[in-house]
Protein backbone atom coordinates (compact mmCIF):
# COMPACT_ATOMS: atom_id res chain seq x y z
CA MET A 1 73.51 -37.09 46.59
CA ALA A 2 72.64 -40.63 47.67
CA ALA A 3 69.40 -41.89 49.13
CA LEU A 4 69.44 -43.94 52.34
CA LEU A 5 67.44 -47.07 51.56
CA GLU A 6 68.22 -49.28 54.56
CA THR A 7 69.99 -49.22 57.89
CA CYS A 8 71.80 -51.85 59.93
CA LEU A 9 72.97 -50.32 63.19
CA PRO A 10 75.82 -52.00 65.10
CA GLY A 11 74.91 -53.18 68.57
CA LEU A 12 71.18 -53.09 67.92
CA ALA A 13 68.92 -55.97 66.94
CA ALA A 14 67.54 -55.97 63.40
CA PRO A 15 64.71 -53.45 63.05
CA LYS A 16 61.09 -53.91 62.12
CA ARG A 17 60.98 -52.52 58.58
CA GLY A 18 57.99 -50.68 57.15
CA LYS A 19 57.66 -49.12 53.72
CA VAL A 20 59.64 -46.09 54.85
CA ARG A 21 60.50 -46.35 58.55
CA GLU A 22 62.69 -48.78 60.43
CA VAL A 23 61.97 -49.29 64.13
CA TYR A 24 64.68 -50.44 66.54
CA ASP A 25 63.90 -51.79 70.00
CA LEU A 26 65.80 -49.83 72.67
CA GLY A 27 64.07 -51.60 75.53
CA ASP A 28 62.16 -48.84 77.28
CA THR A 29 61.78 -46.81 74.07
CA LEU A 30 61.96 -47.17 70.28
CA LEU A 31 64.38 -45.68 67.76
CA ILE A 32 62.51 -44.74 64.57
CA VAL A 33 64.60 -44.08 61.46
CA ALA A 34 62.93 -42.52 58.42
CA THR A 35 64.67 -43.80 55.28
CA ASP A 36 64.48 -42.34 51.79
CA ARG A 37 62.47 -45.24 50.39
CA ILE A 38 59.42 -44.26 48.37
CA SER A 39 56.39 -46.39 47.59
CA ALA A 40 53.58 -46.04 45.09
CA PHE A 41 50.52 -48.22 44.69
CA ASP A 42 51.70 -49.96 47.89
CA VAL A 43 54.98 -51.12 46.34
CA VAL A 44 58.42 -49.82 47.35
CA MET A 45 60.51 -48.58 44.44
CA ALA A 46 64.02 -49.85 43.72
CA ASN A 47 65.60 -46.45 44.39
CA GLY A 48 64.71 -43.64 46.76
CA VAL A 49 64.41 -39.86 47.06
CA PRO A 50 67.43 -38.26 48.78
CA ASP A 51 66.52 -36.45 52.04
CA LYS A 52 62.89 -37.62 51.94
CA GLY A 53 63.25 -39.32 55.33
CA ARG A 54 64.72 -36.20 56.90
CA ILE A 55 61.85 -34.11 55.57
CA LEU A 56 59.23 -36.52 56.90
CA ASN A 57 60.90 -36.75 60.30
CA GLN A 58 61.31 -33.01 60.77
CA MET A 59 57.90 -32.10 59.38
CA SER A 60 56.27 -34.55 61.78
CA ALA A 61 58.19 -32.99 64.67
CA PHE A 62 56.92 -29.55 63.62
CA TRP A 63 53.27 -30.65 63.70
CA PHE A 64 53.61 -32.73 66.88
CA GLU A 65 54.97 -29.70 68.72
CA ARG A 66 52.39 -27.35 67.21
CA PHE A 67 49.44 -29.41 68.44
CA VAL A 68 50.77 -30.77 71.72
CA ASP A 69 47.96 -28.86 73.45
CA LEU A 70 45.42 -31.05 71.64
CA CYS A 71 47.06 -34.42 72.19
CA PRO A 72 50.28 -35.79 73.66
CA ASN A 73 52.57 -37.48 71.13
CA HIS A 74 55.06 -40.32 71.26
CA LEU A 75 58.24 -38.25 70.81
CA VAL A 76 60.90 -38.47 73.50
CA ALA A 77 63.80 -36.98 71.52
CA ILE A 78 64.31 -35.59 68.02
CA ASP A 79 67.64 -33.84 68.66
CA ASP A 80 70.55 -35.61 66.96
CA ASP A 81 72.99 -35.10 69.84
CA ARG A 82 70.59 -36.64 72.37
CA ILE A 83 69.88 -39.56 70.06
CA ALA A 84 73.59 -40.12 69.36
CA ALA A 85 74.30 -40.18 73.09
CA ARG A 86 71.48 -42.69 73.63
CA ILE A 87 72.48 -45.19 70.94
CA GLY A 88 76.28 -44.83 71.19
CA GLU A 89 78.26 -46.77 68.59
CA ALA A 90 75.12 -47.30 66.51
CA TRP A 91 75.14 -43.61 65.56
CA SER A 92 76.53 -42.48 62.20
CA GLU A 93 76.26 -39.31 60.12
CA PRO A 94 73.76 -40.74 57.58
CA LEU A 95 71.25 -40.88 60.48
CA ARG A 96 71.38 -37.14 61.07
CA GLY A 97 67.98 -35.45 60.84
CA ARG A 98 66.04 -38.65 60.24
CA CYS A 99 65.77 -40.21 63.72
CA ALA A 100 63.37 -40.00 66.62
CA ILE A 101 63.23 -41.77 69.95
CA ALA A 102 59.64 -42.56 70.81
CA ARG A 103 57.57 -44.03 73.59
CA ARG A 104 56.16 -47.50 73.17
CA ALA A 105 52.44 -47.47 72.51
CA GLU A 106 49.63 -49.97 72.27
CA VAL A 107 48.61 -49.16 68.71
CA ILE A 108 44.90 -48.60 68.04
CA PRO A 109 44.16 -50.70 64.92
CA VAL A 110 42.39 -47.97 62.93
CA GLU A 111 43.62 -45.26 60.57
CA CYS A 112 41.92 -42.01 61.57
CA VAL A 113 41.27 -40.13 58.33
CA ALA A 114 39.97 -36.57 58.03
CA ARG A 115 38.78 -35.29 54.67
CA GLY A 116 37.88 -31.76 53.69
CA TYR A 117 37.71 -32.56 49.98
CA LEU A 118 36.34 -35.48 47.98
CA THR A 119 39.22 -37.31 46.31
CA GLY A 120 41.17 -40.55 46.30
CA SER A 121 39.56 -43.78 47.45
CA LEU A 122 36.52 -42.02 48.91
CA TYR A 123 35.74 -40.38 45.56
CA LYS A 124 35.93 -43.74 43.81
CA GLU A 125 33.54 -45.27 46.33
CA TYR A 126 31.29 -42.20 46.16
CA ARG A 127 30.90 -42.61 42.40
CA ALA A 128 30.29 -46.33 42.69
CA SER A 129 27.68 -45.99 45.45
CA GLY A 130 25.84 -42.86 44.37
CA GLY A 131 26.81 -40.88 47.46
CA GLY A 132 26.10 -43.11 50.45
CA VAL A 133 29.61 -44.13 51.50
CA HIS A 134 30.17 -46.00 54.78
CA GLY A 135 27.32 -44.22 56.49
CA LEU A 136 28.37 -40.80 55.16
CA HIS A 137 25.49 -39.35 53.14
CA LEU A 138 27.32 -36.89 50.94
CA PRO A 139 25.61 -34.44 48.57
CA SER A 140 24.96 -35.69 45.05
CA GLY A 141 26.78 -34.38 42.00
CA LEU A 142 30.18 -33.77 43.60
CA LEU A 143 33.26 -33.75 41.38
CA ASP A 144 36.70 -35.14 42.03
CA GLY A 145 38.43 -32.55 44.21
CA ASP A 146 35.27 -30.75 45.35
CA ARG A 147 35.28 -29.19 48.80
CA LEU A 148 32.93 -30.97 51.18
CA PRO A 149 30.26 -28.98 53.07
CA GLU A 150 32.25 -29.74 56.23
CA PRO A 151 35.22 -31.96 57.05
CA ILE A 152 34.32 -35.62 57.57
CA PHE A 153 35.85 -38.47 59.52
CA SER A 154 36.30 -41.62 57.46
CA PRO A 155 38.22 -44.31 59.35
CA ALA A 156 40.04 -47.20 57.73
CA THR A 157 41.38 -50.53 58.86
CA LYS A 158 45.16 -50.74 59.05
CA ALA A 159 46.57 -53.18 56.51
CA THR A 160 49.98 -54.76 57.08
CA GLU A 161 50.18 -55.27 53.30
CA GLY A 162 48.26 -53.69 50.44
CA HIS A 163 45.58 -51.04 50.76
CA ASP A 164 43.83 -49.89 53.92
CA GLU A 165 40.08 -50.42 53.73
CA ASN A 166 37.58 -47.64 54.45
CA ILE A 167 35.01 -48.56 57.09
CA SER A 168 32.00 -46.86 58.69
CA PHE A 169 32.13 -45.15 62.07
CA GLU A 170 29.82 -47.87 63.38
CA GLU A 171 32.30 -50.53 62.28
CA MET A 172 35.05 -48.59 64.02
CA GLN A 173 32.99 -48.54 67.21
CA ASP A 174 32.76 -52.32 67.03
CA LEU A 175 36.55 -52.51 66.75
CA VAL A 176 37.64 -50.10 69.47
CA GLY A 177 34.54 -49.29 71.52
CA GLN A 178 32.06 -46.44 71.41
CA GLU A 179 33.81 -44.05 73.80
CA LEU A 180 37.28 -44.35 72.24
CA ALA A 181 35.87 -44.10 68.71
CA GLY A 182 34.12 -40.86 69.64
CA ARG A 183 37.26 -39.39 71.18
CA LEU A 184 39.30 -40.30 68.12
CA ARG A 185 36.77 -38.77 65.73
CA THR A 186 36.65 -35.50 67.66
CA LEU A 187 40.43 -35.29 67.99
CA THR A 188 41.08 -36.15 64.34
CA LEU A 189 38.74 -33.45 63.05
CA GLU A 190 40.11 -30.87 65.47
CA ILE A 191 43.73 -31.48 64.43
CA TYR A 192 42.72 -31.49 60.77
CA SER A 193 40.82 -28.21 61.03
CA ARG A 194 43.69 -26.40 62.73
CA ALA A 195 46.25 -27.85 60.33
CA ALA A 196 44.10 -26.86 57.34
CA GLU A 197 43.95 -23.28 58.63
CA HIS A 198 47.73 -23.18 58.90
CA ALA A 199 48.16 -24.65 55.41
CA GLU A 200 45.67 -22.15 53.95
CA ALA A 201 47.72 -19.29 55.35
CA GLN A 202 50.63 -20.64 53.28
CA GLY A 203 48.54 -20.86 50.10
CA LEU A 204 48.02 -24.61 50.39
CA ILE A 205 44.95 -26.82 50.67
CA LEU A 206 45.08 -29.75 53.08
CA ALA A 207 42.66 -32.01 51.22
CA ASP A 208 42.88 -34.94 53.59
CA THR A 209 45.20 -36.62 56.07
CA LYS A 210 45.46 -39.75 58.17
CA PHE A 211 46.60 -40.16 61.75
CA GLU A 212 47.56 -43.05 63.94
CA PHE A 213 47.01 -43.14 67.67
CA GLY A 214 47.95 -45.46 70.48
CA LEU A 215 47.75 -45.79 74.24
CA VAL A 216 50.79 -45.01 76.37
CA ASP A 217 50.19 -45.99 79.98
CA GLY A 218 46.48 -45.77 79.19
CA GLU A 219 46.74 -42.23 77.77
CA LEU A 220 45.60 -41.52 74.20
CA THR A 221 48.74 -40.58 72.26
CA TRP A 222 49.43 -39.43 68.69
CA ILE A 223 52.02 -41.72 67.08
CA ASP A 224 53.74 -42.54 63.77
CA GLU A 225 53.94 -39.46 61.50
CA ALA A 226 52.12 -36.16 61.42
CA LEU A 227 50.76 -34.33 58.38
CA THR A 228 53.56 -35.16 55.96
CA PRO A 229 53.32 -35.45 52.16
CA ASP A 230 53.32 -39.23 52.69
CA SER A 231 50.23 -39.19 54.93
CA SER A 232 48.40 -36.14 53.55
CA ARG A 233 47.31 -34.49 50.33
CA PHE A 234 48.55 -30.91 50.05
CA TRP A 235 47.36 -29.00 46.99
CA GLU A 236 48.34 -25.62 45.58
CA GLU A 237 45.35 -23.42 46.39
CA SER A 238 45.80 -21.17 43.35
CA LEU A 239 45.62 -24.18 41.00
CA TRP A 240 42.69 -25.97 42.64
CA GLN A 241 40.07 -26.92 40.05
CA PRO A 242 37.43 -29.57 40.84
CA GLY A 243 36.76 -32.16 38.17
CA ARG A 244 40.35 -33.20 37.58
CA ALA A 245 43.39 -34.48 39.43
CA GLN A 246 44.96 -31.69 41.50
CA PRO A 247 48.67 -30.81 41.38
CA SER A 248 49.93 -32.05 44.73
CA TYR A 249 52.94 -32.04 47.02
CA ASP A 250 53.58 -35.75 47.24
CA LYS A 251 54.38 -38.69 44.93
CA GLN A 252 52.55 -37.28 41.92
CA TYR A 253 55.58 -37.47 39.59
CA VAL A 254 56.25 -41.05 40.67
CA ARG A 255 52.67 -42.17 40.07
CA ASP A 256 52.49 -40.36 36.72
CA TYR A 257 55.72 -42.00 35.55
CA LEU A 258 54.59 -45.47 36.62
CA GLU A 259 51.29 -45.05 34.79
CA SER A 260 53.13 -43.86 31.67
CA ILE A 261 55.29 -47.00 31.44
CA GLY A 262 52.38 -49.39 31.94
CA TRP A 263 53.83 -51.00 35.07
CA ASP A 264 51.59 -53.77 36.41
CA LYS A 265 51.76 -52.42 40.01
CA ARG A 266 53.20 -55.63 41.37
CA PRO A 267 56.51 -56.05 43.22
CA PRO A 268 59.31 -55.46 42.70
CA GLY A 269 59.08 -51.75 42.10
CA PRO A 270 61.05 -50.39 39.12
CA THR A 271 63.99 -48.00 39.23
CA LEU A 272 62.82 -44.41 38.85
CA PRO A 273 64.58 -42.07 36.40
CA ASP A 274 66.77 -39.31 37.81
CA ASP A 275 64.40 -36.54 36.67
CA VAL A 276 61.43 -38.15 38.46
CA ILE A 277 63.51 -38.48 41.63
CA GLN A 278 64.70 -34.87 41.40
CA ARG A 279 61.26 -33.36 40.78
CA THR A 280 59.77 -35.43 43.60
CA ARG A 281 62.49 -34.28 45.98
CA GLU A 282 61.80 -30.66 45.02
CA LYS A 283 58.12 -31.08 45.88
CA TYR A 284 58.92 -32.53 49.32
CA VAL A 285 61.42 -29.76 50.03
CA GLU A 286 58.97 -27.07 48.96
CA ALA A 287 56.19 -28.57 51.09
CA TYR A 288 58.49 -28.59 54.13
CA SER A 289 59.67 -25.03 53.61
CA ARG A 290 56.22 -23.56 53.02
CA ILE A 291 54.56 -25.35 55.89
CA THR A 292 57.26 -24.91 58.55
CA GLY A 293 58.47 -21.50 57.38
CA MET A 294 62.05 -22.80 57.55
CA PRO A 295 64.51 -23.59 54.76
CA PHE A 296 65.50 -27.22 54.40
């Protein structure tokens, strides 16, 4: 089973390449291809996780459809036959299940992050600041992985390279305007709350997630990916224990391996062992199956 690390589609101009996705310009729309590349500590690894791109693409489609009543999304087509007909000779079997045709959007330059639990970068800043983080006055004495009294909105600037940077809501207002910032905060927390309820019914905790939005013909539109293991922290509810790192459905095996070999976290990323790749793939597949209720 081989991982798809890069595409070069005949008849189409070279794509814009992100860490995982490759975006082709179709003129009126975009072709988005989710590869199997995997990154950790903001560096792409030398090898990938087979089927990861398909899982991300199809899981996003599941969530976009589930919450279309809350916000329109950028998807035009996710069906392989429609996409193959649209791109003609550029189509090939390795693309199956990993493509979407999407509307063009004017991207809003802020990551919209919802957090129901204190972990990750916010926990590090919380410990360093004593609780007052970017205008969020959180209770004192919280542990890593603690549930917050209520979900919070903690926006971040979008970085083209390296880490996104957490900012206050007031700083976000300065970037995008008061009215739009308020709409984005409300929408982010509403999607998060409904997604967390769904995850809980499957025995999972949605600790946090990040969304991207844009404007399509002036209409606020949900873009990029939706509630995948790459953009969200899903934890096993039965194993949740504040005060330690939580077993999660994401790149945990990759990060643990990289820490164990003392990698300096600078490019290029190393080649991951087969067992790390296999266990990571199993986590992505399980997350997809439990959340969507469908076998992969």
